[in-house]
């Protein structure tokens, strides 16, 4: 497996795990009938901590320019 393929797979996996955990924390009070206040605090904390990591991953792996010269 090439390094670029591995990097792409890992970055997509990190983003998918972030979205999955966020969805679970957000939907647990709705589907489980629990009071939303404690889950709201957990969601705020989790999203605050990991949104920076996700931004770095997206910016590094998906924001790269190609080596080809700019046309136009």
N, C-alpha and C. Protein backbone atom coordinates (compact mmCIF):
# COMPACT_ATOMS: atom_id res chain seq x y z
N UNK A 1 0.85 -1.18 0.00
CA UNK A 1 0.00 0.00 0.00
C UNK A 1 0.89 1.23 0.00
N UNK A 2 0.58 2.16 -0.89
CA UNK A 2 1.36 3.37 -0.98
C UNK A 2 1.09 4.27 0.23
N UNK A 3 2.05 5.12 0.53
CA UNK A 3 1.94 6.01 1.68
C UNK A 3 0.77 6.97 1.50
N UNK A 4 0.58 7.50 0.29
CA UNK A 4 -0.51 8.44 0.07
C UNK A 4 -1.87 7.77 0.25
N UNK A 5 -1.98 6.51 -0.15
CA UNK A 5 -3.22 5.77 0.05
C UNK A 5 -3.47 5.54 1.53
N UNK A 6 -2.44 5.18 2.26
CA UNK A 6 -2.56 4.97 3.70
C UNK A 6 -2.95 6.26 4.41
N UNK A 7 -2.35 7.38 4.02
CA UNK A 7 -2.71 8.66 4.61
C UNK A 7 -4.16 9.01 4.35
N UNK A 8 -4.62 8.77 3.15
CA UNK A 8 -6.02 9.06 2.81
C UNK A 8 -6.97 8.19 3.61
N UNK A 9 -6.66 6.91 3.73
CA UNK A 9 -7.51 6.00 4.48
C UNK A 9 -7.55 6.40 5.96
N UNK A 10 -6.40 6.72 6.52
CA UNK A 10 -6.36 7.11 7.92
C UNK A 10 -7.11 8.41 8.17
N UNK A 11 -6.97 9.38 7.29
CA UNK A 11 -7.66 10.65 7.49
C UNK A 11 -9.16 10.48 7.37
N UNK A 12 -9.61 9.68 6.42
CA UNK A 12 -11.04 9.42 6.29
C UNK A 12 -11.56 8.65 7.50
N UNK A 13 -10.76 7.74 8.02
CA UNK A 13 -11.14 6.98 9.21
C UNK A 13 -11.27 7.90 10.42
N UNK A 14 -10.35 8.83 10.59
CA UNK A 14 -10.40 9.77 11.71
C UNK A 14 -11.65 10.64 11.62
N UNK A 15 -11.94 11.14 10.44
CA UNK A 15 -13.13 11.97 10.26
C UNK A 15 -14.40 11.15 10.49
N UNK A 16 -14.43 9.91 10.01
CA UNK A 16 -15.60 9.06 10.20
C UNK A 16 -15.83 8.74 11.67
N UNK A 17 -14.77 8.47 12.42
CA UNK A 17 -14.91 8.20 13.85
C UNK A 17 -15.43 9.43 14.58
N UNK A 18 -14.92 10.61 14.22
CA UNK A 18 -15.40 11.85 14.82
C UNK A 18 -16.89 12.04 14.56
N UNK A 19 -17.30 11.85 13.32
CA UNK A 19 -18.71 12.01 12.99
C UNK A 19 -19.58 10.96 13.67
N UNK A 20 -19.08 9.74 13.77
CA UNK A 20 -19.83 8.68 14.44
C UNK A 20 -20.03 8.94 15.92
N UNK A 21 -18.97 9.33 16.61
CA UNK A 21 -19.09 9.63 18.04
C UNK A 21 -19.99 10.84 18.26
N UNK A 22 -19.86 11.84 17.41
CA UNK A 22 -20.72 13.02 17.53
C UNK A 22 -22.19 12.64 17.32
N UNK A 23 -22.46 11.81 16.35
CA UNK A 23 -23.84 11.37 16.10
C UNK A 23 -24.39 10.56 17.28
N UNK A 24 -23.57 9.69 17.85
CA UNK A 24 -24.01 8.89 18.99
C UNK A 24 -24.33 9.78 20.18
N UNK A 25 -23.44 10.72 20.48
CA UNK A 25 -23.66 11.61 21.62
C UNK A 25 -24.87 12.51 21.38
N UNK A 26 -25.08 12.94 20.14
CA UNK A 26 -26.20 13.82 19.84
C UNK A 26 -27.54 13.07 19.83
N UNK A 27 -27.55 11.83 19.37
CA UNK A 27 -28.80 11.09 19.24
C UNK A 27 -29.19 10.29 20.47
N UNK A 28 -28.28 10.06 21.39
CA UNK A 28 -28.60 9.29 22.59
C UNK A 28 -29.74 9.88 23.40
N UNK A 29 -29.76 11.18 23.70
CA UNK A 29 -30.90 11.69 24.46
C UNK A 29 -32.20 11.68 23.65
N UNK A 30 -32.12 11.84 22.36
CA UNK A 30 -33.32 11.87 21.54
C UNK A 30 -33.96 10.49 21.45
N UNK A 31 -33.15 9.50 21.16
CA UNK A 31 -33.68 8.15 20.98
C UNK A 31 -33.87 7.39 22.29
N UNK A 32 -33.11 7.75 23.30
CA UNK A 32 -33.19 7.03 24.57
C UNK A 32 -34.13 7.65 25.58
N UNK A 33 -34.63 8.84 25.33
CA UNK A 33 -35.53 9.49 26.25
C UNK A 33 -34.84 10.04 27.49
N UNK A 34 -33.56 10.33 27.41
CA UNK A 34 -32.81 10.87 28.53
C UNK A 34 -32.89 12.39 28.51
N UNK A 35 -32.66 13.04 29.65
CA UNK A 35 -32.61 14.50 29.64
C UNK A 35 -31.40 14.99 28.85
N UNK A 36 -31.57 16.00 28.01
CA UNK A 36 -30.48 16.39 27.11
C UNK A 36 -29.37 17.21 27.74
N UNK A 37 -29.55 17.74 28.94
CA UNK A 37 -28.55 18.64 29.52
C UNK A 37 -27.17 18.02 29.68
N UNK A 38 -27.04 16.82 30.29
CA UNK A 38 -25.67 16.26 30.42
C UNK A 38 -25.05 15.91 29.08
N UNK A 39 -25.87 15.47 28.14
CA UNK A 39 -25.34 15.10 26.83
C UNK A 39 -24.91 16.33 26.05
N UNK A 40 -25.61 17.44 26.27
CA UNK A 40 -25.22 18.68 25.61
C UNK A 40 -23.83 19.10 26.06
N UNK A 41 -23.54 18.99 27.33
CA UNK A 41 -22.21 19.33 27.83
C UNK A 41 -21.15 18.40 27.25
N UNK A 42 -21.45 17.10 27.18
CA UNK A 42 -20.49 16.16 26.59
C UNK A 42 -20.26 16.47 25.12
N UNK A 43 -21.33 16.81 24.41
CA UNK A 43 -21.20 17.12 22.99
C UNK A 43 -20.36 18.38 22.78
N UNK A 44 -20.57 19.39 23.62
CA UNK A 44 -19.77 20.62 23.52
C UNK A 44 -18.30 20.34 23.78
N UNK A 45 -18.02 19.58 24.82
CA UNK A 45 -16.64 19.26 25.18
C UNK A 45 -15.97 18.45 24.08
N UNK A 46 -16.64 17.41 23.62
CA UNK A 46 -16.06 16.54 22.59
C UNK A 46 -15.82 17.31 21.30
N UNK A 47 -16.81 18.07 20.86
CA UNK A 47 -16.65 18.78 19.59
C UNK A 47 -15.60 19.88 19.69
N UNK A 48 -15.47 20.51 20.85
CA UNK A 48 -14.44 21.53 21.03
C UNK A 48 -13.05 20.92 20.96
N UNK A 49 -12.86 19.80 21.61
CA UNK A 49 -11.54 19.17 21.63
C UNK A 49 -11.13 18.62 20.27
N UNK A 50 -12.05 17.96 19.59
CA UNK A 50 -11.68 17.24 18.39
C UNK A 50 -11.91 17.99 17.09
N UNK A 51 -12.59 19.12 17.13
CA UNK A 51 -12.77 19.87 15.89
C UNK A 51 -11.44 20.43 15.39
N UNK A 52 -10.55 20.79 16.30
CA UNK A 52 -9.22 21.24 15.90
C UNK A 52 -8.42 20.14 15.24
N UNK A 53 -8.50 18.94 15.79
CA UNK A 53 -7.79 17.79 15.21
C UNK A 53 -8.35 17.48 13.82
N UNK A 54 -9.66 17.52 13.69
CA UNK A 54 -10.29 17.25 12.40
C UNK A 54 -9.89 18.33 11.39
N UNK A 55 -9.83 19.58 11.83
CA UNK A 55 -9.41 20.66 10.94
C UNK A 55 -7.98 20.48 10.45
N UNK A 56 -7.11 20.04 11.33
CA UNK A 56 -5.72 19.78 10.93
C UNK A 56 -5.65 18.63 9.93
N UNK A 57 -6.39 17.57 10.18
CA UNK A 57 -6.39 16.42 9.28
C UNK A 57 -6.92 16.82 7.91
N UNK A 58 -8.04 17.51 7.88
CA UNK A 58 -8.63 17.92 6.61
C UNK A 58 -7.71 18.89 5.88
N UNK A 59 -7.15 19.85 6.60
CA UNK A 59 -6.27 20.82 5.97
C UNK A 59 -4.99 20.21 5.44
N UNK A 60 -4.45 19.26 6.16
CA UNK A 60 -3.18 18.66 5.75
C UNK A 60 -3.37 17.67 4.59
N UNK A 61 -4.31 16.76 4.75
CA UNK A 61 -4.44 15.70 3.77
C UNK A 61 -5.28 16.09 2.56
N UNK A 62 -6.29 16.92 2.75
CA UNK A 62 -7.18 17.24 1.64
C UNK A 62 -6.89 18.62 1.05
N UNK A 63 -6.08 19.42 1.69
CA UNK A 63 -5.81 20.76 1.21
C UNK A 63 -4.52 20.89 0.44
N UNK A 64 -3.91 19.78 0.08
CA UNK A 64 -2.65 19.83 -0.65
C UNK A 64 -2.86 20.25 -2.09
N UNK A 65 -1.89 20.97 -2.60
CA UNK A 65 -1.92 21.33 -4.00
C UNK A 65 -1.21 20.26 -4.81
N UNK A 66 -1.60 20.13 -6.04
CA UNK A 66 -0.94 19.16 -6.92
C UNK A 66 0.37 19.75 -7.42
N UNK A 67 1.24 18.90 -7.88
CA UNK A 67 2.54 19.34 -8.38
C UNK A 67 2.47 19.92 -9.79
N UNK A 68 1.32 19.76 -10.43
CA UNK A 68 1.20 20.26 -11.81
C UNK A 68 1.10 21.77 -11.81
N UNK A 69 1.61 22.43 -12.84
CA UNK A 69 1.53 23.89 -12.90
C UNK A 69 0.08 24.34 -13.07
N UNK A 70 -0.19 25.50 -12.55
CA UNK A 70 -1.54 26.07 -12.62
C UNK A 70 -1.87 26.46 -14.05
N UNK A 71 -3.01 26.00 -14.52
CA UNK A 71 -3.42 26.33 -15.88
C UNK A 71 -4.50 27.40 -15.83
N UNK A 72 -4.40 28.39 -16.67
CA UNK A 72 -5.43 29.37 -16.78
C UNK A 72 -5.02 30.65 -16.23
